[in-house]
PDB file of N, CA and C in Angstrom:
ATOM      1  N   MET A   1      23.905   6.647 -13.421  1.00  0.00           N
ATOM      2  CA  MET A   1      24.530   6.223 -12.077  1.00  0.00           C
ATOM      3  C   MET A   1      25.889   5.770 -11.876  1.00  0.00           C
ATOM      4  N   SER A   2      25.938   6.261 -10.071  1.00  0.00           N
ATOM      5  CA  SER A   2      27.609   6.362  -9.981  1.00  0.00           C
ATOM      6  C   SER A   2      28.095   4.798 -10.222  1.00  0.00           C
ATOM      7  N   ASN A   3      29.329   4.712  -9.920  1.00  0.00           N
ATOM      8  CA  ASN A   3      29.757   3.425  -9.850  1.00  0.00           C
ATOM      9  C   ASN A   3      29.856   3.380  -8.627  1.00  0.00           C
ATOM     10  N   SER A   4      29.596   3.754  -7.524  1.00  0.00           N
ATOM     11  CA  SER A   4      29.937   3.374  -6.004  1.00  0.00           C
ATOM     12  C   SER A   4      28.701   2.307  -6.092  1.00  0.00           C
ATOM     13  N   LYS A   5      29.352   1.436  -5.447  1.00  0.00           N
ATOM     14  CA  LYS A   5      28.336   0.159  -4.913  1.00  0.00           C
ATOM     15  C   LYS A   5      27.717   0.157  -3.659  1.00  0.00           C
ATOM     16  N   PHE A   6      27.305   1.538  -3.020  1.00  0.00           N
ATOM     17  CA  PHE A   6      26.694   1.908  -2.205  1.00  0.00           C
ATOM     18  C   PHE A   6      25.363   3.201  -2.664  1.00  0.00           C
ATOM     19  N   MET A   7      24.177   2.593  -1.703  1.00  0.00           N
ATOM     20  CA  MET A   7      23.380   3.535  -2.142  1.00  0.00           C
ATOM     21  C   MET A   7      22.450   4.368  -0.823  1.00  0.00           C
ATOM     22  N   GLU A   8      22.182   5.454  -1.157  1.00  0.00           N
ATOM     23  CA  GLU A   8      21.558   6.400   0.333  1.00  0.00           C
ATOM     24  C   GLU A   8      20.171   5.607   0.172  1.00  0.00           C
ATOM     25  N   SER A   9      19.597   5.432   1.176  1.00  0.00           N
ATOM     26  CA  SER A   9      17.802   5.215   1.392  1.00  0.00           C
ATOM     27  C   SER A   9      17.531   6.197   2.913  1.00  0.00           C
ATOM     28  N   PRO A  10      16.351   5.978   3.052  1.00  0.00           N
ATOM     29  CA  PRO A  10      15.860   6.705   4.111  1.00  0.00           C
ATOM     30  C   PRO A  10      16.443   5.816   5.777  1.00  0.00           C
ATOM     31  N   TYR A  11      16.969   4.735   5.754  1.00  0.00           N
ATOM     32  CA  TYR A  11      17.389   4.081   6.479  1.00  0.00           C
ATOM     33  C   TYR A  11      18.572   4.100   6.654  1.00  0.00           C
ATOM     34  N   GLY A  12      19.600   4.685   6.003  1.00  0.00           N
ATOM     35  CA  GLY A  12      20.987   4.933   6.346  1.00  0.00           C
ATOM     36  C   GLY A  12      21.957   4.659   4.530  1.00  0.00           C
ATOM     37  N   VAL A  13      22.864   3.763   4.537  1.00  0.00           N
ATOM     38  CA  VAL A  13      23.625   3.481   3.299  1.00  0.00           C
ATOM     39  C   VAL A  13      23.711   2.067   3.479  1.00  0.00           C
ATOM     40  N   PHE A  14      23.335   1.508   2.308  1.00  0.00           N
ATOM     41  CA  PHE A  14      23.518   0.327   2.125  1.00  0.00           C
ATOM     42  C   PHE A  14      24.289   0.300   0.680  1.00  0.00           C
ATOM     43  N   GLU A  15      24.910  -0.885   0.563  1.00  0.00           N
ATOM     44  CA  GLU A  15      25.498  -1.925  -0.158  1.00  0.00           C
ATOM     45  C   GLU A  15      24.421  -2.046  -1.513  1.00  0.00           C
ATOM     46  N   ASP A  16      25.160  -2.067  -2.613  1.00  0.00           N
ATOM     47  CA  ASP A  16      23.882  -2.130  -3.645  1.00  0.00           C
ATOM     48  C   ASP A  16      23.646  -3.689  -3.612  1.00  0.00           C
ATOM     49  N   ALA A  17      23.176  -4.607  -3.235  1.00  0.00           N
ATOM     50  CA  ALA A  17      22.919  -5.603  -3.193  1.00  0.00           C
ATOM     51  C   ALA A  17      21.248  -6.004  -3.142  1.00  0.00           C
ATOM     52  N   ALA A  18      21.218  -7.486  -3.463  1.00  0.00           N
ATOM     53  CA  ALA A  18      20.156  -8.020  -3.303  1.00  0.00           C
ATOM     54  C   ALA A  18      19.097  -7.540  -1.919  1.00  0.00           C
ATOM     55  N   MET A  19      19.953  -8.005  -0.763  1.00  0.00           N
ATOM     56  CA  MET A  19      19.387  -7.612   0.384  1.00  0.00           C
ATOM     57  C   MET A  19      19.993  -6.293   1.436  1.00  0.00           C
ATOM     58  N   PRO A  20      19.602  -5.382   2.055  1.00  0.00           N
ATOM     59  CA  PRO A  20      20.506  -4.716   2.262  1.00  0.00           C
ATOM     60  C   PRO A  20      20.740  -5.289   3.523  1.00  0.00           C
ATOM     61  N   TYR A  21      22.096  -4.494   4.093  1.00  0.00           N
ATOM     62  CA  TYR A  21      22.024  -4.528   5.579  1.00  0.00           C
ATOM     63  C   TYR A  21      21.973  -3.488   6.567  1.00  0.00           C
ATOM     64  N   VAL A  22      21.481  -3.886   7.530  1.00  0.00           N
ATOM     65  CA  VAL A  22      21.121  -2.777   8.557  1.00  0.00           C
ATOM     66  C   VAL A  22      22.399  -3.021   9.755  1.00  0.00           C
ATOM     67  N   PRO A  23      22.754  -2.732   9.996  1.00  0.00           N
ATOM     68  CA  PRO A  23      23.885  -2.679  11.615  1.00  0.00           C
ATOM     69  C   PRO A  23      23.059  -2.865  12.289  1.00  0.00           C
ATOM     70  N   GLU A  24      23.455  -3.638  13.268  1.00  0.00           N
ATOM     71  CA  GLU A  24      22.622  -3.704  14.867  1.00  0.00           C
ATOM     72  C   GLU A  24      22.931  -2.472  15.455  1.00  0.00           C
ATOM     73  N   GLY A  25      21.954  -2.098  16.297  1.00  0.00           N
ATOM     74  CA  GLY A  25      22.300  -1.080  17.287  1.00  0.00           C
ATOM     75  C   GLY A  25      22.515   0.552  16.479  1.00  0.00           C
ATOM     76  N   SER A  26      22.091   0.324  14.983  1.00  0.00           N
ATOM     77  CA  SER A  26      22.054   1.506  14.470  1.00  0.00           C
ATOM     78  C   SER A  26      21.040   2.558  14.671  1.00  0.00           C
ATOM     79  N   GLY A  27      20.068   1.912  15.280  1.00  0.00           N
ATOM     80  CA  GLY A  27      18.944   2.983  15.782  1.00  0.00           C
ATOM     81  C   GLY A  27      17.508   2.935  14.336  1.00  0.00           C
ATOM     82  N   ASP A  28      18.090   2.459  13.026  1.00  0.00           N
ATOM     83  CA  ASP A  28      17.227   2.363  12.405  1.00  0.00           C
ATOM     84  C   ASP A  28      16.813   0.974  12.203  1.00  0.00           C
ATOM     85  N   ARG A  29      15.428   0.759  11.576  1.00  0.00           N
ATOM     86  CA  ARG A  29      14.702  -0.429  11.653  1.00  0.00           C
ATOM     87  C   ARG A  29      14.963  -1.140  10.411  1.00  0.00           C
ATOM     88  N   ASP A  30      14.701  -2.282  10.184  1.00  0.00           N
ATOM     89  CA  ASP A  30      14.286  -3.154   8.868  1.00  0.00           C
ATOM     90  C   ASP A  30      13.965  -2.288   7.991  1.00  0.00           C
ATOM     91  N   PRO A  31      14.340  -2.161   6.860  1.00  0.00           N
ATOM     92  CA  PRO A  31      13.541  -1.375   5.713  1.00  0.00           C
ATOM     93  C   PRO A  31      12.538  -2.376   5.140  1.00  0.00           C
ATOM     94  N   TYR A  32      12.335  -3.681   5.336  1.00  0.00           N
ATOM     95  CA  TYR A  32      11.656  -4.473   4.682  1.00  0.00           C
ATOM     96  C   TYR A  32      10.513  -4.595   5.783  1.00  0.00           C
ATOM     97  N   GLY A  33      10.323  -4.327   6.996  1.00  0.00           N
ATOM     98  CA  GLY A  33       9.509  -4.656   8.162  1.00  0.00           C
ATOM     99  C   GLY A  33       8.981  -3.601   8.711  1.00  0.00           C
ATOM    100  N   GLY A  34      10.022  -3.015   9.609  1.00  0.00           N
ATOM    101  CA  GLY A  34       9.200  -1.719  10.479  1.00  0.00           C
ATOM    102  C   GLY A  34       8.968  -0.489   9.744  1.00  0.00           C
ATOM    103  N   GLY A  35       9.770   0.324   9.233  1.00  0.00           N
ATOM    104  CA  GLY A  35      10.052   1.479   8.744  1.00  0.00           C
ATOM    105  C   GLY A  35      10.530   2.195   9.694  1.00  0.00           C
ATOM    106  N   GLN A  36      10.044   3.889   9.315  1.00  0.00           N
ATOM    107  CA  GLN A  36      10.278   4.713  10.402  1.00  0.00           C
ATOM    108  C   GLN A  36       9.488   5.054  10.973  1.00  0.00           C
ATOM    109  N   PRO A  37       9.242   5.804  12.164  1.00  0.00           N
ATOM    110  CA  PRO A  37       7.937   5.808  12.726  1.00  0.00           C
ATOM    111  C   PRO A  37       6.994   6.659  12.369  1.00  0.00           C
ATOM    112  N   ALA A  38       7.165   7.886  11.175  1.00  0.00           N
ATOM    113  CA  ALA A  38       6.378   8.318  10.838  1.00  0.00           C
ATOM    114  C   ALA A  38       5.424   7.324   9.688  1.00  0.00           C
ATOM    115  N   VAL A  39       6.274   6.669   9.047  1.00  0.00           N
ATOM    116  CA  VAL A  39       5.723   5.841   8.223  1.00  0.00           C
ATOM    117  C   VAL A  39       4.663   4.755   8.599  1.00  0.00           C
ATOM    118  N   ASP A  40       5.123   4.327   9.710  1.00  0.00           N
ATOM    119  CA  ASP A  40       4.380   3.541  10.773  1.00  0.00           C
ATOM    120  C   ASP A  40       3.030   3.825  11.157  1.00  0.00           C
ATOM    121  N   ALA A  41       3.362   5.267  11.347  1.00  0.00           N
ATOM    122  CA  ALA A  41       1.832   6.117  11.856  1.00  0.00           C
ATOM    123  C   ALA A  41       0.893   6.384  11.135  1.00  0.00           C
ATOM    124  N   GLN A  42       1.167   6.908   9.206  1.00  0.00           N
ATOM    125  CA  GLN A  42       0.777   6.886   8.183  1.00  0.00           C
ATOM    126  C   GLN A  42       0.140   5.859   7.570  1.00  0.00           C
ATOM    127  N   HIS A  43       1.130   4.440   7.927  1.00  0.00           N
ATOM    128  CA  HIS A  43       0.259   3.160   7.782  1.00  0.00           C
ATOM    129  C   HIS A  43      -0.718   2.725   8.350  1.00  0.00           C
ATOM    130  N   ARG A  44      -0.656   3.331   9.532  1.00  0.00           N
ATOM    131  CA  ARG A  44      -1.871   3.002  10.701  1.00  0.00           C
ATOM    132  C   ARG A  44      -3.242   3.511  10.222  1.00  0.00           C
ATOM    133  N   ARG A  45      -2.928   4.956   9.874  1.00  0.00           N
ATOM    134  CA  ARG A  45      -3.813   5.450   9.617  1.00  0.00           C
ATOM    135  C   ARG A  45      -4.423   5.407   8.503  1.00  0.00           C
ATOM    136  N   LEU A  46      -4.065   5.063   7.319  1.00  0.00           N
ATOM    137  CA  LEU A  46      -4.451   4.452   6.000  1.00  0.00           C
ATOM    138  C   LEU A  46      -5.085   2.832   6.738  1.00  0.00           C
ATOM    139  N   GLU A  47      -4.683   2.232   7.392  1.00  0.00           N
ATOM    140  CA  GLU A  47      -5.236   0.646   7.532  1.00  0.00           C
ATOM    141  C   GLU A  47      -6.664   1.157   8.165  1.00  0.00           C
ATOM    142  N   ALA A  48      -6.629   2.162   9.328  1.00  0.00           N
ATOM    143  CA  ALA A  48      -7.806   2.707  10.064  1.00  0.00           C
ATOM    144  C   ALA A  48      -9.022   2.990   8.970  1.00  0.00           C
ATOM    145  N   ALA A  49      -8.561   4.053   8.196  1.00  0.00           N
ATOM    146  CA  ALA A  49      -9.537   4.534   7.216  1.00  0.00           C
ATOM    147  C   ALA A  49     -10.048   3.330   6.125  1.00  0.00           C
ATOM    148  N   ARG A  50      -9.051   2.371   5.553  1.00  0.00           N
ATOM    149  CA  ARG A  50      -9.656   1.259   5.403  1.00  0.00           C
ATOM    150  C   ARG A  50     -10.776   0.236   6.239  1.00  0.00           C
ATOM    151  N   ARG A  51     -10.640   0.279   7.650  1.00  0.00           N
ATOM    152  CA  ARG A  51     -11.327  -0.782   8.188  1.00  0.00           C
ATOM    153  C   ARG A  51     -12.693   0.324   8.297  1.00  0.00           C
ATOM    154  N   ARG A  52     -12.531   1.870   8.649  1.00  0.00           N
ATOM    155  CA  ARG A  52     -13.563   2.302   8.808  1.00  0.00           C
ATOM    156  C   ARG A  52     -14.858   1.888   7.343  1.00  0.00           C
ATOM    157  N   ASN A  53     -14.480   2.285   5.944  1.00  0.00           N
ATOM    158  CA  ASN A  53     -15.113   2.239   4.854  1.00  0.00           C
ATOM    159  C   ASN A  53     -15.218   0.972   4.257  1.00  0.00           C
ATOM    160  N   GLU A  54     -14.421  -0.140   4.523  1.00  0.00           N
ATOM    161  CA  GLU A  54     -14.380  -1.311   3.931  1.00  0.00           C
ATOM    162  C   GLU A  54     -15.857  -1.633   3.739  1.00  0.00           C
ATOM    163  N   ARG A  55     -16.686  -1.837   4.814  1.00  0.00           N
ATOM    164  CA  ARG A  55     -18.343  -2.582   4.592  1.00  0.00           C
ATOM    165  C   ARG A  55     -19.022  -1.398   3.433  1.00  0.00           C
ATOM    166  N   ALA A  56     -18.961  -0.243   3.726  1.00  0.00           N
ATOM    167  CA  ALA A  56     -19.653   1.045   2.614  1.00  0.00           C
ATOM    168  C   ALA A  56     -18.634   0.565   1.426  1.00  0.00           C
ATOM    169  N   LEU A  57     -17.761   0.101   0.833  1.00  0.00           N
ATOM    170  CA  LEU A  57     -16.983  -0.068  -0.374  1.00  0.00           C
ATOM    171  C   LEU A  57     -17.498  -1.814  -0.704  1.00  0.00           C
ATOM    172  N   MET A  58     -17.504  -2.636  -0.052  1.00  0.00           N
ATOM    173  CA  MET A  58     -18.162  -3.804  -0.099  1.00  0.00           C
ATOM    174  C   MET A  58     -19.698  -3.949  -0.536  1.00  0.00           C
ATOM    175  N   ALA A  59     -20.216  -2.996  -0.322  1.00  0.00           N
ATOM    176  CA  ALA A  59     -21.853  -3.050  -0.338  1.00  0.00           C
ATOM    177  C   ALA A  59     -22.151  -2.555  -1.840  1.00  0.00           C
ATOM    178  N   ILE A  60     -20.840  -1.946  -2.550  1.00  0.00           N
ATOM    179  CA  ILE A  60     -20.920  -1.639  -4.174  1.00  0.00           C
ATOM    180  C   ILE A  60     -21.143  -2.709  -4.820  1.00  0.00           C
ATOM    181  N   ASP A  61     -22.010  -3.272  -5.336  1.00  0.00           N
ATOM    182  CA  ASP A  61     -21.960  -4.212  -6.266  1.00  0.00           C
ATOM    183  C   ASP A  61     -21.096  -4.485  -7.002  1.00  0.00           C
ATOM    184  N   GLY A  62     -20.706  -5.294  -7.353  1.00  0.00           N
ATOM    185  CA  GLY A  62     -19.264  -6.024  -7.944  1.00  0.00           C
ATOM    186  C   GLY A  62     -18.163  -5.478  -7.680  1.00  0.00           C
ATOM    187  N   VAL A  63     -18.244  -4.912  -6.105  1.00  0.00           N
ATOM    188  CA  VAL A  63     -16.795  -4.935  -5.573  1.00  0.00           C
ATOM    189  C   VAL A  63     -16.535  -6.145  -5.151  1.00  0.00           C
ATOM    190  N   GLU A  64     -15.042  -6.898  -5.271  1.00  0.00           N
ATOM    191  CA  GLU A  64     -14.822  -8.243  -4.664  1.00  0.00           C
ATOM    192  C   GLU A  64     -13.935  -8.017  -3.389  1.00  0.00           C
ATOM    193  N   GLY A  65     -13.491  -6.827  -3.341  1.00  0.00           N
ATOM    194  CA  GLY A  65     -12.558  -6.310  -2.211  1.00  0.00           C
ATOM    195  C   GLY A  65     -11.819  -5.232  -2.352  1.00  0.00           C
ATOM    196  N   VAL A  66     -11.104  -5.159  -1.000  1.00  0.00           N
ATOM    197  CA  VAL A  66     -10.679  -3.966  -0.589  1.00  0.00           C
ATOM    198  C   VAL A  66      -8.939  -3.994   0.180  1.00  0.00           C
ATOM    199  N   SER A  67      -8.262  -3.549  -0.052  1.00  0.00           N
ATOM    200  CA  SER A  67      -6.787  -3.885   0.795  1.00  0.00           C
ATOM    201  C   SER A  67      -6.332  -2.286   0.549  1.00  0.00           C
ATOM    202  N   LEU A  68      -5.101  -2.162   1.140  1.00  0.00           N
ATOM    203  CA  LEU A  68      -3.770  -0.912   0.884  1.00  0.00           C
ATOM    204  C   LEU A  68      -3.017  -1.279  -0.461  1.00  0.00           C
ATOM    205  N   GLY A  69      -2.750  -0.451  -0.985  1.00  0.00           N
ATOM    206  CA  GLY A  69      -2.088   0.053  -1.895  1.00  0.00           C
ATOM    207  C   GLY A  69      -0.988   1.325  -2.075  1.00  0.00           C
ATOM    208  N   GLN A  70      -0.488   1.596  -3.062  1.00  0.00           N
ATOM    209  CA  GLN A  70       0.028   3.015  -3.451  1.00  0.00           C
ATOM    210  C   GLN A  70      -0.232   3.557  -5.030  1.00  0.00           C
ATOM    211  N   THR A  71      -0.560   4.558  -4.998  1.00  0.00           N
ATOM    212  CA  THR A  71      -0.788   5.124  -6.775  1.00  0.00           C
ATOM    213  C   THR A  71       0.502   4.852  -7.444  1.00  0.00           C
ATOM    214  N   ALA A  72       0.623   5.240  -8.767  1.00  0.00           N
ATOM    215  CA  ALA A  72       1.579   4.548  -9.508  1.00  0.00           C
ATOM    216  C   ALA A  72       2.481   5.685  -9.413  1.00  0.00           C
ATOM    217  N   LEU A  73       2.248   7.085  -8.505  1.00  0.00           N
ATOM    218  CA  LEU A  73       3.196   7.595  -8.107  1.00  0.00           C
ATOM    219  C   LEU A  73       3.940   7.442  -6.729  1.00  0.00           C
ATOM    220  N   GLY A  74       3.371   6.648  -6.224  1.00  0.00           N
ATOM    221  CA  GLY A  74       4.139   6.347  -4.867  1.00  0.00           C
ATOM    222  C   GLY A  74       3.181   6.467  -3.575  1.00  0.00           C
ATOM    223  N   ARG A  75       2.045   7.393  -3.820  1.00  0.00           N
ATOM    224  CA  ARG A  75       1.154   7.571  -3.018  1.00  0.00           C
ATOM    225  C   ARG A  75       0.598   6.948  -2.198  1.00  0.00           C
ATOM    226  N   ASP A  76       0.465   6.627  -0.628  1.00  0.00           N
ATOM    227  CA  ASP A  76      -0.638   5.754  -0.225  1.00  0.00           C
ATOM    228  C   ASP A  76      -2.017   5.643  -0.586  1.00  0.00           C
ATOM    229  N   ALA A  77      -2.610   4.493  -0.787  1.00  0.00           N
ATOM    230  CA  ALA A  77      -3.750   4.436  -1.515  1.00  0.00           C
ATOM    231  C   ALA A  77      -4.959   3.041  -1.187  1.00  0.00           C
ATOM    232  N   LEU A  78      -5.930   3.430  -1.009  1.00  0.00           N
ATOM    233  CA  LEU A  78      -6.927   2.232  -0.751  1.00  0.00           C
ATOM    234  C   LEU A  78      -6.635   1.468  -2.353  1.00  0.00           C
ATOM    235  N   VAL A  79      -7.054   0.101  -2.329  1.00  0.00           N
ATOM    236  CA  VAL A  79      -7.279  -0.656  -3.563  1.00  0.00           C
ATOM    237  C   VAL A  79      -8.128  -1.390  -3.573  1.00  0.00           C
ATOM    238  N   VAL A  80      -9.367  -1.029  -4.289  1.00  0.00           N
ATOM    239  CA  VAL A  80     -10.818  -1.473  -4.343  1.00  0.00           C
ATOM    240  C   VAL A  80     -10.427  -2.855  -5.812  1.00  0.00           C
ATOM    241  N   TYR A  81     -10.987  -4.117  -5.647  1.00  0.00           N
ATOM    242  CA  TYR A  81     -10.994  -4.923  -6.563  1.00  0.00           C
ATOM    243  C   TYR A  81     -12.251  -5.346  -7.163  1.00  0.00           C
ATOM    244  N   LEU A  82     -12.188  -4.880  -8.489  1.00  0.00           N
ATOM    245  CA  LEU A  82     -13.906  -4.950  -9.033  1.00  0.00           C
ATOM    246  C   LEU A  82     -13.787  -6.350  -9.995  1.00  0.00           C
ATOM    247  N   ARG A  83     -15.280  -6.561 -10.015  1.00  0.00           N
ATOM    248  CA  ARG A  83     -15.553  -7.428 -10.780  1.00  0.00           C
ATOM    249  C   ARG A  83     -15.380  -7.195 -12.448  1.00  0.00           C
ATOM    250  N   ASP A  84     -15.941  -6.129 -12.671  1.00  0.00           N
ATOM    251  CA  ASP A  84     -15.915  -5.952 -14.236  1.00  0.00           C
ATOM    252  C   ASP A  84     -15.177  -4.198 -14.241  1.00  0.00           C
ATOM    253  N   SER A  85     -15.095  -3.543 -15.464  1.00  0.00           N
ATOM    254  CA  SER A  85     -14.795  -2.363 -15.649  1.00  0.00           C
ATOM    255  C   SER A  85     -16.154  -1.297 -15.649  1.00  0.00           C
ATOM    256  N   SER A  86     -17.287  -1.827 -15.704  1.00  0.00           N
ATOM    257  CA  SER A  86     -18.538  -0.990 -15.525  1.00  0.00           C
ATOM    258  C   SER A  86     -18.929  -0.869 -13.790  1.00  0.00           C
ATOM    259  N   VAL A  87     -18.126  -1.375 -13.055  1.00  0.00           N
ATOM    260  CA  VAL A  87     -18.513  -1.422 -11.276  1.00  0.00           C
ATOM    261  C   VAL A  87     -17.459   0.176 -11.045  1.00  0.00           C
ATOM    262  N   LYS A  88     -16.352   0.584 -11.734  1.00  0.00           N
ATOM    263  CA  LYS A  88     -15.555   1.694 -11.367  1.00  0.00           C
ATOM    264  C   LYS A  88     -16.323   2.770 -11.194  1.00  0.00           C
ATOM    265  N   ARG A  89     -17.319   2.861 -12.266  1.00  0.00           N
ATOM    266  CA  ARG A  89     -18.159   4.430 -12.064  1.00  0.00           C
ATOM    267  C   ARG A  89     -18.695   4.675 -10.695  1.00  0.00           C
ATOM    268  N   ARG A  90     -19.088   3.590 -10.139  1.00  0.00           N
ATOM    269  CA  ARG A  90     -19.748   3.454  -8.699  1.00  0.00           C
ATOM    270  C   ARG A  90     -18.370   3.796  -7.437  1.00  0.00           C
ATOM    271  N   VAL A  91     -17.131   3.455  -7.641  1.00  0.00           N
ATOM    272  CA  VAL A  91     -16.297   3.800  -6.957  1.00  0.00           C
ATOM    273  C   VAL A  91     -15.954   4.999  -6.787  1.00  0.00           C
ATOM    274  N   PRO A  92     -16.016   5.516  -5.225  1.00  0.00           N
ATOM    275  CA  PRO A  92     -15.641   6.845  -5.133  1.00  0.00           C
ATOM    276  C   PRO A  92     -13.916   7.069  -5.563  1.00  0.00           C
ATOM    277  N   LEU A  93     -13.584   8.343  -6.001  1.00  0.00           N
ATOM    278  CA  LEU A  93     -11.940   8.788  -6.036  1.00  0.00           C
ATOM    279  C   LEU A  93     -11.079   9.064  -4.803  1.00  0.00           C
ATOM    280  N   GLN A  94     -11.748   9.144  -3.987  1.00  0.00           N
ATOM    281  CA  GLN A  94     -11.055   9.364  -2.432  1.00  0.00           C
ATOM    282  C   GLN A  94     -11.968   9.201  -1.436  1.00  0.00           C
ATOM    283  N   VAL A  95     -11.147   8.340  -0.359  1.00  0.00           N
ATOM    284  CA  VAL A  95     -12.075   7.856   0.621  1.00  0.00           C
ATOM    285  C   VAL A  95     -11.014   8.376   1.856  1.00  0.00           C
ATOM    286  N   GLU A  96     -11.446   9.436   2.673  1.00  0.00           N
ATOM    287  CA  GLU A  96     -11.213  10.422   3.553  1.00  0.00           C
ATOM    288  C   GLU A  96      -9.684  10.670   3.287  1.00  0.00           C
ATOM    289  N   GLY A  97      -9.828  11.333   1.948  1.00  0.00           N
ATOM    290  CA  GLY A  97      -8.471  12.066   1.313  1.00  0.00           C
ATOM    291  C   GLY A  97      -7.743  11.020   0.960  1.00  0.00           C
ATOM    292  N   TYR A  98      -7.753   9.473   0.755  1.00  0.00           N
ATOM    293  CA  TYR A  98      -7.092   8.581   0.378  1.00  0.00           C
ATOM    294  C   TYR A  98      -7.340   8.601  -0.887  1.00  0.00           C
ATOM    295  N   PRO A  99      -6.877   8.201  -2.201  1.00  0.00           N
ATOM    296  CA  PRO A  99      -7.062   7.920  -2.925  1.00  0.00           C
ATOM    297  C   PRO A  99      -6.950   6.985  -3.488  1.00  0.00           C
ATOM    298  N   VAL A 100      -8.252   6.655  -4.286  1.00  0.00           N
ATOM    299  CA  VAL A 100      -8.807   4.958  -4.503  1.00  0.00           C
ATOM    300  C   VAL A 100      -8.368   4.752  -5.758  1.00  0.00           C
ATOM    301  N   GLU A 101      -7.272   3.493  -5.727  1.00  0.00           N
ATOM    302  CA  GLU A 101      -7.126   2.426  -6.934  1.00  0.00           C
ATOM    303  C   GLU A 101      -7.958   1.711  -7.039  1.00  0.00           C
ATOM    304  N   THR A 102      -8.227   1.319  -8.541  1.00  0.00           N
ATOM    305  CA  THR A 102      -9.458   0.241  -9.014  1.00  0.00           C
ATOM    306  C   THR A 102      -8.343  -0.789  -9.381  1.00  0.00           C
ATOM    307  N   SER A 103      -8.770  -2.071  -9.615  1.00  0.00           N
ATOM    308  CA  SER A 103      -8.162  -3.153 -10.146  1.00  0.00           C
ATOM    309  C   SER A 103      -9.293  -4.257 -10.923  1.00  0.00           C
ATOM    310  N   ILE A 104      -9.147  -4.434 -11.774  1.00  0.00           N
ATOM    311  CA  ILE A 104     -10.578  -5.451 -12.241  1.00  0.00           C
ATOM    312  C   ILE A 104      -9.953  -7.148 -12.173  1.00  0.00           C
ATOM    313  N   THR A 105     -10.468  -7.721 -11.355  1.00  0.00           N
ATOM    314  CA  THR A 105     -10.062  -8.953 -10.899  1.00  0.00           C
ATOM    315  C   THR A 105     -10.761 -10.109 -11.486  1.00  0.00           C
ATOM    316  N   GLY A 106     -12.305  -9.674 -11.785  1.00  0.00           N
ATOM    317  CA  GLY A 106     -13.121 -10.715 -12.144  1.00  0.00           C
ATOM    318  C   GLY A 106     -13.651 -10.977 -10.580  1.00  0.00           C
ATOM    319  N   GLN A 107     -14.637 -11.613 -10.920  1.00  0.00           N
ATOM    320  CA  GLN A 107     -15.454 -12.559  -9.510  1.00  0.00           C
ATOM    321  C   GLN A 107     -13.984 -13.122  -8.677  1.00  0.00           C
ATOM    322  N   ILE A 108     -14.501 -12.850  -7.358  1.00  0.00           N
ATOM    323  CA  ILE A 108     -13.238 -13.914  -6.496  1.00  0.00           C
ATOM    324  C   ILE A 108     -14.050 -14.454  -5.679  1.00  0.00           C
ATOM    325  N   ASP A 109     -13.561 -15.829  -5.892  1.00  0.00           N
ATOM    326  CA  ASP A 109     -14.439 -16.521  -5.091  1.00  0.00           C
ATOM    327  C   ASP A 109     -13.550 -17.286  -4.148  1.00  0.00           C
ATOM    328  N   ILE A 110     -14.096 -17.525  -2.685  1.00  0.00           N
ATOM    329  CA  ILE A 110     -13.372 -17.579  -1.711  1.00  0.00           C
ATOM    330  C   ILE A 110     -13.851 -19.276  -1.040  1.00  0.00           C
ATOM    331  N   GLN A 111     -12.727 -20.032  -1.359  1.00  0.00           N
ATOM    332  CA  GLN A 111     -12.913 -22.087  -1.024  1.00  0.00           C
ATOM    333  C   GLN A 111     -12.607 -22.166   0.475  1.00  0.00           C
ATOM    334  N   ARG A 112     -13.273 -22.386   0.910  1.00  0.00           N
ATOM    335  CA  ARG A 112     -13.270 -22.605   2.667  1.00  0.00           C
ATOM    336  C   ARG A 112     -13.033 -24.366   2.946  1.00  0.00           C
TER     337      ARG A 112
END
């Protein structure tokens, strides 16, 4: 690690601080909200894949929910929440080319 208090990022050069500073008018977007246009488009494609497949995934007995996330290597993925580990074998490994990550949550009850 260098002694510099500044770090490189896809959004520019930031001071090594809790919240990076993005100068106004720099042309870059907020690293916590907007992201780069290519990243936004990729996120929209993943969200569309989730919407198209959510009903089919939720129809698998023991699936409690579906959301967006990342693999351990940082690749975009669909996350499928499972009641227990026995459900995992019925969940596809990929959906529309996106990897599917699973998380054992137990039963999720929504209180209204």
